[in-house]
Amino acid sequence: MSESKRIVEFERLNTLGKAVFFGGAIAKLAAGAIDRVLQRAADIYVDAERAFKQGMDPDIEDAKILAEDTRLEE
């Protein structure tokens, strides 16, 4: 599907044409915003996964409880 760029003279459009023009512009802006949000979420996911895998060290043992504080149970 070829996307041709047409120059639209807004002043010459009728009411329906102006509504379609604005609807298309809003849809294009919304699609761009959604695309940016999804791309950013994917980047955050990849960065978090990379950081998690780099932080794994087989020489470090799991956390151990050294002492418990029972004052909170009262």
Protein backbone atom coordinates (compact mmCIF):
# COMPACT_ATOMS: atom_id res chain seq x y z
CA MET A 1 0.00 0.00 0.00
CA SER A 2 1.61 3.24 -1.08
CA GLU A 3 1.13 6.22 1.15
CA SER A 4 0.93 9.37 -0.92
CA LYS A 5 1.36 12.77 0.67
CA ARG A 6 -1.30 15.16 -0.52
CA ILE A 7 -1.37 18.83 0.27
CA VAL A 8 -4.80 19.63 1.68
CA GLU A 9 -6.06 23.19 1.61
CA PHE A 10 -7.93 23.25 4.90
CA GLU A 11 -9.89 26.37 4.03
CA ARG A 12 -11.47 24.63 1.04
CA LEU A 13 -12.77 21.64 3.03
CA ASN A 14 -16.43 21.43 3.97
CA THR A 15 -17.57 20.56 7.50
CA LEU A 16 -17.35 16.82 6.95
CA GLY A 17 -13.92 17.18 5.36
CA LYS A 18 -12.67 19.21 8.31
CA ALA A 19 -14.04 16.61 10.73
CA VAL A 20 -12.29 13.82 8.82
CA PHE A 21 -9.07 15.88 8.69
CA PHE A 22 -9.08 16.46 12.46
CA GLY A 23 -10.07 12.84 13.15
CA GLY A 24 -7.17 11.59 11.08
CA ALA A 25 -4.75 13.97 12.76
CA ILE A 26 -5.90 12.89 16.22
CA ALA A 27 -5.68 9.21 15.28
CA LYS A 28 -2.15 9.70 13.94
CA LEU A 29 -1.07 11.50 17.13
CA ALA A 30 -2.64 8.81 19.32
CA ALA A 31 -0.96 6.03 17.34
CA GLY A 32 2.40 7.78 17.68
CA ALA A 33 1.92 8.21 21.43
CA ILE A 34 0.95 4.56 21.89
CA ASP A 35 3.96 3.49 19.83
CA ARG A 36 6.31 5.58 21.99
CA VAL A 37 4.80 4.22 25.22
CA LEU A 38 5.11 0.61 24.06
CA GLN A 39 8.68 1.17 22.88
CA ARG A 40 9.62 2.72 26.23
CA ALA A 41 8.01 -0.17 28.14
CA ALA A 42 9.94 -2.67 26.03
CA ASP A 43 13.19 -0.77 26.66
CA ILE A 44 12.55 -0.76 30.42
CA TYR A 45 11.81 -4.51 30.37
CA VAL A 46 15.01 -5.29 28.46
CA ASP A 47 17.09 -3.06 30.76
CA ALA A 48 15.58 -4.63 33.89
CA GLU A 49 16.18 -8.15 32.61
CA ARG A 50 19.78 -7.30 31.69
CA ALA A 51 20.39 -5.75 35.13
CA PHE A 52 18.90 -8.79 36.86
CA LYS A 53 21.06 -11.24 34.90
CA GLN A 54 24.21 -9.19 35.47
CA GLY A 55 23.47 -9.03 39.20
CA MET A 56 23.29 -12.79 39.59
CA ASP A 57 26.46 -14.13 41.16
CA PRO A 58 26.74 -17.85 41.95
CA ASP A 59 29.29 -17.11 44.72
CA ILE A 60 26.76 -15.13 46.79
CA GLU A 61 24.51 -17.14 49.11
CA ASP A 62 20.83 -16.40 49.67
CA ALA A 63 19.87 -13.92 52.37
CA LYS A 64 19.74 -15.20 55.93
CA ILE A 65 17.74 -13.84 58.85
CA LEU A 66 20.23 -12.79 61.50
CA ALA A 67 17.78 -11.73 64.20
CA GLU A 68 14.05 -11.31 64.62
CA ASP A 69 12.40 -8.41 66.41
CA THR A 70 9.23 -9.54 68.19
CA ARG A 71 8.24 -6.07 69.47
CA LEU A 72 5.90 -5.58 66.49
CA GLU A 73 3.66 -8.47 67.59
CA GLU A 74 2.46 -6.71 70.78
